[in-house]
PDB file of N, CA and C in Angstrom:
ATOM      1  N   MET A   1      13.759  19.968 -15.640  1.00  0.00           N
ATOM      2  CA  MET A   1      12.548  20.527 -14.830  1.00  0.00           C
ATOM      3  C   MET A   1      12.498  20.501 -13.727  1.00  0.00           C
ATOM      4  N   THR A   2      12.539  21.795 -13.531  1.00  0.00           N
ATOM      5  CA  THR A   2      12.885  22.419 -12.098  1.00  0.00           C
ATOM      6  C   THR A   2      11.550  22.511 -11.464  1.00  0.00           C
ATOM      7  N   ASP A   3      11.679  22.307 -10.023  1.00  0.00           N
ATOM      8  CA  ASP A   3      10.563  22.494  -9.392  1.00  0.00           C
ATOM      9  C   ASP A   3      10.068  23.654  -8.825  1.00  0.00           C
ATOM     10  N   ILE A   4       8.487  23.695  -8.948  1.00  0.00           N
ATOM     11  CA  ILE A   4       8.587  25.354  -8.405  1.00  0.00           C
ATOM     12  C   ILE A   4       8.106  25.195  -7.676  1.00  0.00           C
ATOM     13  N   ILE A   5       7.747  24.599  -6.391  1.00  0.00           N
ATOM     14  CA  ILE A   5       7.203  24.377  -5.082  1.00  0.00           C
ATOM     15  C   ILE A   5       8.664  24.619  -4.295  1.00  0.00           C
ATOM     16  N   SER A   6       8.819  25.365  -3.410  1.00  0.00           N
ATOM     17  CA  SER A   6      10.057  24.967  -2.328  1.00  0.00           C
ATOM     18  C   SER A   6      10.150  23.250  -1.680  1.00  0.00           C
ATOM     19  N   PRO A   7      11.566  23.436  -1.442  1.00  0.00           N
ATOM     20  CA  PRO A   7      11.974  22.278  -0.602  1.00  0.00           C
ATOM     21  C   PRO A   7      11.224  21.697   0.606  1.00  0.00           C
ATOM     22  N   ASN A   8      10.453  22.723   1.659  1.00  0.00           N
ATOM     23  CA  ASN A   8      10.354  22.861   2.586  1.00  0.00           C
ATOM     24  C   ASN A   8       8.952  22.163   2.431  1.00  0.00           C
ATOM     25  N   ILE A   9       8.227  22.893   1.531  1.00  0.00           N
ATOM     26  CA  ILE A   9       6.482  22.678   1.219  1.00  0.00           C
ATOM     27  C   ILE A   9       6.366  20.665   0.779  1.00  0.00           C
ATOM     28  N   ARG A  10       7.308  20.721  -0.351  1.00  0.00           N
ATOM     29  CA  ARG A  10       7.601  19.512  -0.839  1.00  0.00           C
ATOM     30  C   ARG A  10       7.749  17.994   0.273  1.00  0.00           C
ATOM     31  N   SER A  11       8.889  18.931   1.402  1.00  0.00           N
ATOM     32  CA  SER A  11       8.867  17.456   2.322  1.00  0.00           C
ATOM     33  C   SER A  11       7.785  17.397   2.777  1.00  0.00           C
ATOM     34  N   ARG A  12       6.885  18.719   3.304  1.00  0.00           N
ATOM     35  CA  ARG A  12       5.818  18.476   3.581  1.00  0.00           C
ATOM     36  C   ARG A  12       4.941  17.772   3.378  1.00  0.00           C
ATOM     37  N   MET A  13       4.653  17.824   1.664  1.00  0.00           N
ATOM     38  CA  MET A  13       3.623  17.165   0.967  1.00  0.00           C
ATOM     39  C   MET A  13       3.973  15.645   0.677  1.00  0.00           C
ATOM     40  N   MET A  14       5.210  15.479   0.651  1.00  0.00           N
ATOM     41  CA  MET A  14       5.434  14.630   1.110  1.00  0.00           C
ATOM     42  C   MET A  14       5.550  13.215   2.031  1.00  0.00           C
ATOM     43  N   SER A  15       5.693  14.374   3.052  1.00  0.00           N
ATOM     44  CA  SER A  15       5.428  13.229   4.850  1.00  0.00           C
ATOM     45  C   SER A  15       4.277  12.817   4.659  1.00  0.00           C
ATOM     46  N   GLY A  16       3.099  13.452   3.759  1.00  0.00           N
ATOM     47  CA  GLY A  16       2.065  12.963   4.702  1.00  0.00           C
ATOM     48  C   GLY A  16       1.208  11.994   3.519  1.00  0.00           C
ATOM     49  N   ILE A  17       2.386  11.621   2.427  1.00  0.00           N
ATOM     50  CA  ILE A  17       2.138  10.050   1.884  1.00  0.00           C
ATOM     51  C   ILE A  17       2.554   9.267   2.340  1.00  0.00           C
ATOM     52  N   ARG A  18       1.140   7.726   2.427  1.00  0.00           N
ATOM     53  CA  ARG A  18       1.504   7.012   2.998  1.00  0.00           C
ATOM     54  C   ARG A  18       2.333   5.713   2.375  1.00  0.00           C
ATOM     55  N   ARG A  19       3.095   5.111   2.808  1.00  0.00           N
ATOM     56  CA  ARG A  19       3.474   3.834   2.223  1.00  0.00           C
ATOM     57  C   ARG A  19       2.953   2.599   2.378  1.00  0.00           C
ATOM     58  N   GLU A  20       2.622   2.422   3.602  1.00  0.00           N
ATOM     59  CA  GLU A  20       1.941   1.187   4.352  1.00  0.00           C
ATOM     60  C   GLU A  20       0.685   1.652   4.671  1.00  0.00           C
ATOM     61  N   ASN A  21      -0.191   0.410   4.758  1.00  0.00           N
ATOM     62  CA  ASN A  21      -2.166   0.055   5.226  1.00  0.00           C
ATOM     63  C   ASN A  21      -2.192   1.587   4.833  1.00  0.00           C
ATOM     64  N   THR A  22      -2.316   1.837   3.655  1.00  0.00           N
ATOM     65  CA  THR A  22      -3.307   2.563   2.831  1.00  0.00           C
ATOM     66  C   THR A  22      -4.839   1.716   2.635  1.00  0.00           C
ATOM     67  N   LYS A  23      -5.457   2.887   2.221  1.00  0.00           N
ATOM     68  CA  LYS A  23      -7.100   2.211   2.504  1.00  0.00           C
ATOM     69  C   LYS A  23      -6.899   1.113   0.811  1.00  0.00           C
ATOM     70  N   PRO A  24      -6.536   1.229   0.205  1.00  0.00           N
ATOM     71  CA  PRO A  24      -6.961  -0.119  -0.845  1.00  0.00           C
ATOM     72  C   PRO A  24      -6.467  -1.330  -0.275  1.00  0.00           C
ATOM     73  N   GLU A  25      -5.141  -0.927   0.837  1.00  0.00           N
ATOM     74  CA  GLU A  25      -4.284  -2.213   1.004  1.00  0.00           C
ATOM     75  C   GLU A  25      -4.973  -3.056   2.108  1.00  0.00           C
ATOM     76  N   ILE A  26      -5.904  -2.034   3.068  1.00  0.00           N
ATOM     77  CA  ILE A  26      -6.192  -2.726   3.722  1.00  0.00           C
ATOM     78  C   ILE A  26      -7.640  -3.251   3.196  1.00  0.00           C
ATOM     79  N   MET A  27      -8.692  -2.783   2.457  1.00  0.00           N
ATOM     80  CA  MET A  27      -9.857  -3.196   1.602  1.00  0.00           C
ATOM     81  C   MET A  27      -9.708  -4.619   1.246  1.00  0.00           C
ATOM     82  N   PHE A  28      -8.184  -4.586   0.870  1.00  0.00           N
ATOM     83  CA  PHE A  28      -7.742  -5.970  -0.222  1.00  0.00           C
ATOM     84  C   PHE A  28      -7.728  -7.125   0.895  1.00  0.00           C
ATOM     85  N   ARG A  29      -7.011  -6.717   2.137  1.00  0.00           N
ATOM     86  CA  ARG A  29      -6.838  -8.068   2.864  1.00  0.00           C
ATOM     87  C   ARG A  29      -8.451  -7.994   3.712  1.00  0.00           C
ATOM     88  N   LYS A  30      -8.660  -7.265   4.170  1.00  0.00           N
ATOM     89  CA  LYS A  30     -10.502  -7.498   4.965  1.00  0.00           C
ATOM     90  C   LYS A  30     -11.456  -8.525   3.689  1.00  0.00           C
ATOM     91  N   GLY A  31     -11.010  -8.483   2.353  1.00  0.00           N
ATOM     92  CA  GLY A  31     -11.362  -8.913   1.686  1.00  0.00           C
ATOM     93  C   GLY A  31     -11.068 -10.429   1.429  1.00  0.00           C
ATOM     94  N   LEU A  32      -9.444 -10.466   1.488  1.00  0.00           N
ATOM     95  CA  LEU A  32      -8.843 -11.766   1.876  1.00  0.00           C
ATOM     96  C   LEU A  32      -9.529 -12.881   2.984  1.00  0.00           C
ATOM     97  N   TYR A  33      -9.176 -12.048   3.962  1.00  0.00           N
ATOM     98  CA  TYR A  33      -9.645 -12.779   5.625  1.00  0.00           C
ATOM     99  C   TYR A  33     -10.869 -13.012   5.349  1.00  0.00           C
ATOM    100  N   LYS A  34     -11.934 -12.110   4.617  1.00  0.00           N
ATOM    101  CA  LYS A  34     -13.385 -12.772   4.976  1.00  0.00           C
ATOM    102  C   LYS A  34     -13.645 -13.981   4.237  1.00  0.00           C
ATOM    103  N   ARG A  35     -12.539 -14.280   3.173  1.00  0.00           N
ATOM    104  CA  ARG A  35     -12.880 -15.511   2.141  1.00  0.00           C
ATOM    105  C   ARG A  35     -11.927 -16.170   2.815  1.00  0.00           C
ATOM    106  N   GLY A  36     -11.298 -16.517   3.771  1.00  0.00           N
ATOM    107  CA  GLY A  36     -10.735 -17.855   4.639  1.00  0.00           C
ATOM    108  C   GLY A  36      -8.964 -18.034   4.055  1.00  0.00           C
ATOM    109  N   TYR A  37      -8.896 -16.301   3.265  1.00  0.00           N
ATOM    110  CA  TYR A  37      -7.313 -16.747   2.609  1.00  0.00           C
ATOM    111  C   TYR A  37      -6.561 -15.834   4.309  1.00  0.00           C
ATOM    112  N   ARG A  38      -5.737 -16.744   4.331  1.00  0.00           N
ATOM    113  CA  ARG A  38      -4.620 -16.235   5.200  1.00  0.00           C
ATOM    114  C   ARG A  38      -3.477 -15.810   4.361  1.00  0.00           C
ATOM    115  N   TYR A  39      -2.492 -14.474   5.301  1.00  0.00           N
ATOM    116  CA  TYR A  39      -1.226 -14.396   4.377  1.00  0.00           C
ATOM    117  C   TYR A  39      -0.497 -13.709   5.320  1.00  0.00           C
ATOM    118  N   ARG A  40       0.262 -13.268   4.877  1.00  0.00           N
ATOM    119  CA  ARG A  40       1.879 -12.944   5.616  1.00  0.00           C
ATOM    120  C   ARG A  40       1.898 -11.157   5.497  1.00  0.00           C
ATOM    121  N   LEU A  41       2.408 -10.373   6.079  1.00  0.00           N
ATOM    122  CA  LEU A  41       2.749  -9.298   5.391  1.00  0.00           C
ATOM    123  C   LEU A  41       4.469  -8.565   5.324  1.00  0.00           C
ATOM    124  N   HIS A  42       4.721  -7.737   4.729  1.00  0.00           N
ATOM    125  CA  HIS A  42       6.249  -7.830   3.792  1.00  0.00           C
ATOM    126  C   HIS A  42       6.077  -6.398   3.406  1.00  0.00           C
ATOM    127  N   ALA A  43       7.416  -6.535   3.291  1.00  0.00           N
ATOM    128  CA  ALA A  43       7.757  -4.963   3.119  1.00  0.00           C
ATOM    129  C   ALA A  43       7.837  -4.477   1.381  1.00  0.00           C
ATOM    130  N   LYS A  44       8.547  -5.743   0.744  1.00  0.00           N
ATOM    131  CA  LYS A  44       8.469  -5.210  -0.678  1.00  0.00           C
ATOM    132  C   LYS A  44       7.296  -5.857  -1.190  1.00  0.00           C
ATOM    133  N   PRO A  45       6.772  -7.264  -1.393  1.00  0.00           N
ATOM    134  CA  PRO A  45       5.147  -7.447  -1.863  1.00  0.00           C
ATOM    135  C   PRO A  45       4.162  -7.078  -0.391  1.00  0.00           C
ATOM    136  N   ASP A  46       3.388  -6.677  -1.063  1.00  0.00           N
ATOM    137  CA  ASP A  46       2.254  -6.041   0.282  1.00  0.00           C
ATOM    138  C   ASP A  46       1.794  -7.689   0.825  1.00  0.00           C
ATOM    139  N   LEU A  47       1.913  -8.783   0.122  1.00  0.00           N
ATOM    140  CA  LEU A  47       0.969  -9.655   0.817  1.00  0.00           C
ATOM    141  C   LEU A  47       1.399 -10.850   0.356  1.00  0.00           C
ATOM    142  N   VAL A  48       1.778 -11.963   1.234  1.00  0.00           N
ATOM    143  CA  VAL A  48       2.379 -13.481   0.720  1.00  0.00           C
ATOM    144  C   VAL A  48       1.550 -13.818   0.959  1.00  0.00           C
ATOM    145  N   LEU A  49       0.275 -15.114  -0.088  1.00  0.00           N
ATOM    146  CA  LEU A  49      -0.119 -16.191   0.511  1.00  0.00           C
ATOM    147  C   LEU A  49       0.741 -17.368   0.538  1.00  0.00           C
ATOM    148  N   ALA A  50       1.635 -17.663   1.518  1.00  0.00           N
ATOM    149  CA  ALA A  50       2.558 -19.004   1.377  1.00  0.00           C
ATOM    150  C   ALA A  50       1.565 -19.855   0.699  1.00  0.00           C
ATOM    151  N   LYS A  51       0.654 -20.234   1.147  1.00  0.00           N
ATOM    152  CA  LYS A  51       0.114 -21.806   0.713  1.00  0.00           C
ATOM    153  C   LYS A  51      -0.348 -21.504  -0.551  1.00  0.00           C
ATOM    154  N   TYR A  52      -0.078 -21.132  -1.449  1.00  0.00           N
ATOM    155  CA  TYR A  52      -0.602 -20.662  -2.383  1.00  0.00           C
ATOM    156  C   TYR A  52       0.631 -20.242  -3.389  1.00  0.00           C
ATOM    157  N   ASN A  53       1.504 -19.880  -3.113  1.00  0.00           N
ATOM    158  CA  ASN A  53       3.077 -19.742  -3.936  1.00  0.00           C
ATOM    159  C   ASN A  53       2.386 -18.577  -4.705  1.00  0.00           C
ATOM    160  N   VAL A  54       2.312 -17.182  -3.677  1.00  0.00           N
ATOM    161  CA  VAL A  54       1.486 -15.786  -4.716  1.00  0.00           C
ATOM    162  C   VAL A  54       1.957 -14.785  -3.596  1.00  0.00           C
ATOM    163  N   ILE A  55       2.439 -13.710  -4.313  1.00  0.00           N
ATOM    164  CA  ILE A  55       3.144 -12.751  -3.745  1.00  0.00           C
ATOM    165  C   ILE A  55       1.783 -11.674  -4.326  1.00  0.00           C
ATOM    166  N   VAL A  56       1.651 -10.352  -3.756  1.00  0.00           N
ATOM    167  CA  VAL A  56       0.445  -9.440  -4.349  1.00  0.00           C
ATOM    168  C   VAL A  56       1.324  -8.697  -3.796  1.00  0.00           C
ATOM    169  N   PHE A  57       0.826  -7.267  -5.447  1.00  0.00           N
ATOM    170  CA  PHE A  57       1.570  -5.698  -4.727  1.00  0.00           C
ATOM    171  C   PHE A  57       0.263  -4.823  -4.956  1.00  0.00           C
ATOM    172  N   ILE A  58      -0.029  -4.190  -4.242  1.00  0.00           N
ATOM    173  CA  ILE A  58      -0.914  -3.381  -4.285  1.00  0.00           C
ATOM    174  C   ILE A  58      -0.653  -2.425  -4.273  1.00  0.00           C
ATOM    175  N   HIS A  59      -0.810  -1.110  -5.940  1.00  0.00           N
ATOM    176  CA  HIS A  59      -0.598  -0.241  -6.241  1.00  0.00           C
ATOM    177  C   HIS A  59      -1.738   0.549  -6.511  1.00  0.00           C
ATOM    178  N   GLY A  60      -1.999   2.378  -6.193  1.00  0.00           N
ATOM    179  CA  GLY A  60      -3.179   2.621  -6.863  1.00  0.00           C
ATOM    180  C   GLY A  60      -3.485   3.038  -5.742  1.00  0.00           C
ATOM    181  N   ILE A  61      -4.753   4.291  -6.301  1.00  0.00           N
ATOM    182  CA  ILE A  61      -5.630   5.470  -4.850  1.00  0.00           C
ATOM    183  C   ILE A  61      -6.335   5.207  -5.314  1.00  0.00           C
ATOM    184  N   LEU A  62      -7.097   4.984  -4.151  1.00  0.00           N
ATOM    185  CA  LEU A  62      -8.511   4.917  -3.381  1.00  0.00           C
ATOM    186  C   LEU A  62      -9.013   6.628  -3.695  1.00  0.00           C
ATOM    187  N   LEU A  63     -10.372   6.659  -4.362  1.00  0.00           N
ATOM    188  CA  LEU A  63     -10.592   8.251  -3.899  1.00  0.00           C
ATOM    189  C   LEU A  63     -11.995   8.119  -3.869  1.00  0.00           C
ATOM    190  N   ARG A  64     -12.923   8.623  -2.854  1.00  0.00           N
ATOM    191  CA  ARG A  64     -13.686   8.776  -2.418  1.00  0.00           C
ATOM    192  C   ARG A  64     -14.482  10.287  -2.079  1.00  0.00           C
TER     193      ARG A  64
END
């Protein structure tokens, strides 16, 4: 399948997509912190709750 968008435009579009600290991630982290859960930020799993042996991956887009 061929791309209908030029490489320059595609590059500009992709550079606008954030990889870290997206709105869903920040909202989730704030909610956890308010409830007393402490976590570490990592590159691959988004959050690590070491005390509970839990890792969290946050996927998705928050639209408003």
